[in-house]
């Protein structure tokens, strides 16, 4: 019974990793195909970085 549970858990972990990789690959393909999406992702990362740095400075 314990071995069956381990196999069941391993299958779910594998499926989750596979789904995550597929989502990342799809996002990469979309960013290459539609450059405004790439600009939006880079801009949102830059804004997030600035907000995080501002939050870190405020807490000190």
C-alpha atoms as a PDB file:
ATOM      1  CA  UNK A   1       0.000   0.000   0.000  1.00  0.00           C
ATOM      2  CA  UNK A   2       2.832   2.384   0.892  1.00  0.00           C
ATOM      3  CA  UNK A   3       4.599   1.652  -2.396  1.00  0.00           C
ATOM      4  CA  UNK A   4       1.408   2.365  -4.348  1.00  0.00           C
ATOM      5  CA  UNK A   5       1.049   5.698  -2.555  1.00  0.00           C
ATOM      6  CA  UNK A   6       4.650   6.602  -3.407  1.00  0.00           C
ATOM      7  CA  UNK A   7       4.100   5.775  -7.071  1.00  0.00           C
ATOM      8  CA  UNK A   8       0.883   7.816  -7.070  1.00  0.00           C
ATOM      9  CA  UNK A   9       2.703  10.791  -5.513  1.00  0.00           C
ATOM     10  CA  UNK A  10       5.571  10.468  -7.991  1.00  0.00           C
ATOM     11  CA  UNK A  11       3.141  10.525 -10.914  1.00  0.00           C
ATOM     12  CA  UNK A  12       1.522  13.712  -9.593  1.00  0.00           C
ATOM     13  CA  UNK A  13       4.921  15.345  -9.063  1.00  0.00           C
ATOM     14  CA  UNK A  14       5.986  14.371 -12.582  1.00  0.00           C
ATOM     15  CA  UNK A  15       2.754  15.731 -14.060  1.00  0.00           C
ATOM     16  CA  UNK A  16       3.175  18.994 -12.152  1.00  0.00           C
ATOM     17  CA  UNK A  17       6.751  19.471 -13.328  1.00  0.00           C
ATOM     18  CA  UNK A  18       5.749  18.637 -16.893  1.00  0.00           C
ATOM     19  CA  UNK A  19       2.865  21.129 -16.785  1.00  0.00           C
ATOM     20  CA  UNK A  20       5.151  23.836 -15.401  1.00  0.00           C
ATOM     21  CA  UNK A  21       7.729  23.261 -18.127  1.00  0.00           C
ATOM     22  CA  UNK A  22       5.053  23.325 -20.804  1.00  0.00           C
ATOM     23  CA  UNK A  23       3.672  26.613 -19.437  1.00  0.00           C
ATOM     24  CA  UNK A  24       7.157  28.170 -19.396  1.00  0.00           C
ATOM     25  CA  UNK A  25       7.834  26.987 -22.944  1.00  0.00           C
ATOM     26  CA  UNK A  26       4.481  28.312 -24.163  1.00  0.00           C
ATOM     27  CA  UNK A  27       5.180  31.691 -22.552  1.00  0.00           C
ATOM     28  CA  UNK A  28       8.606  31.806 -24.190  1.00  0.00           C
ATOM     29  CA  UNK A  29       7.106  31.005 -27.609  1.00  0.00           C
ATOM     30  CA  UNK A  30       4.433  33.677 -27.131  1.00  0.00           C
ATOM     31  CA  UNK A  31       7.039  36.263 -26.114  1.00  0.00           C
ATOM     32  CA  UNK A  32       9.091  35.544 -29.240  1.00  0.00           C
ATOM     33  CA  UNK A  33       6.018  35.621 -31.470  1.00  0.00           C
ATOM     34  CA  UNK A  34       4.477  38.781 -29.953  1.00  0.00           C
ATOM     35  CA  UNK A  35       7.185  41.318 -28.969  1.00  0.00           C
ATOM     36  CA  UNK A  36       4.766  43.544 -26.970  1.00  0.00           C
ATOM     37  CA  UNK A  37       4.345  40.627 -24.559  1.00  0.00           C
ATOM     38  CA  UNK A  38       8.124  40.498 -24.102  1.00  0.00           C
ATOM     39  CA  UNK A  39       8.165  44.231 -23.408  1.00  0.00           C
ATOM     40  CA  UNK A  40       5.330  43.828 -20.884  1.00  0.00           C
ATOM     41  CA  UNK A  41       7.123  40.992 -19.059  1.00  0.00           C
ATOM     42  CA  UNK A  42      10.416  42.906 -18.890  1.00  0.00           C
ATOM     43  CA  UNK A  43       8.643  46.082 -17.757  1.00  0.00           C
ATOM     44  CA  UNK A  44       6.685  44.259 -15.051  1.00  0.00           C
ATOM     45  CA  UNK A  45       9.889  42.623 -13.800  1.00  0.00           C
ATOM     46  CA  UNK A  46      11.602  46.005 -13.659  1.00  0.00           C
ATOM     47  CA  UNK A  47       8.671  47.581 -11.775  1.00  0.00           C
ATOM     48  CA  UNK A  48       8.574  44.653  -9.336  1.00  0.00           C
ATOM     49  CA  UNK A  49      12.308  44.988  -8.708  1.00  0.00           C
ATOM     50  CA  UNK A  50      11.989  48.714  -7.991  1.00  0.00           C
ATOM     51  CA  UNK A  51       9.027  48.188  -5.661  1.00  0.00           C
ATOM     52  CA  UNK A  52      10.866  45.449  -3.785  1.00  0.00           C
ATOM     53  CA  UNK A  53      13.947  47.646  -3.371  1.00  0.00           C
ATOM     54  CA  UNK A  54      11.786  50.549  -2.171  1.00  0.00           C
ATOM     55  CA  UNK A  55      10.072  48.250   0.312  1.00  0.00           C
ATOM     56  CA  UNK A  56      13.422  46.971   1.617  1.00  0.00           C
ATOM     57  CA  UNK A  57      14.724  50.511   2.111  1.00  0.00           C
ATOM     58  CA  UNK A  58      11.506  51.566   3.874  1.00  0.00           C
ATOM     59  CA  UNK A  59      11.696  48.730   6.410  1.00  0.00           C
ATOM     60  CA  UNK A  60      15.267  49.663   7.470  1.00  0.00           C
END
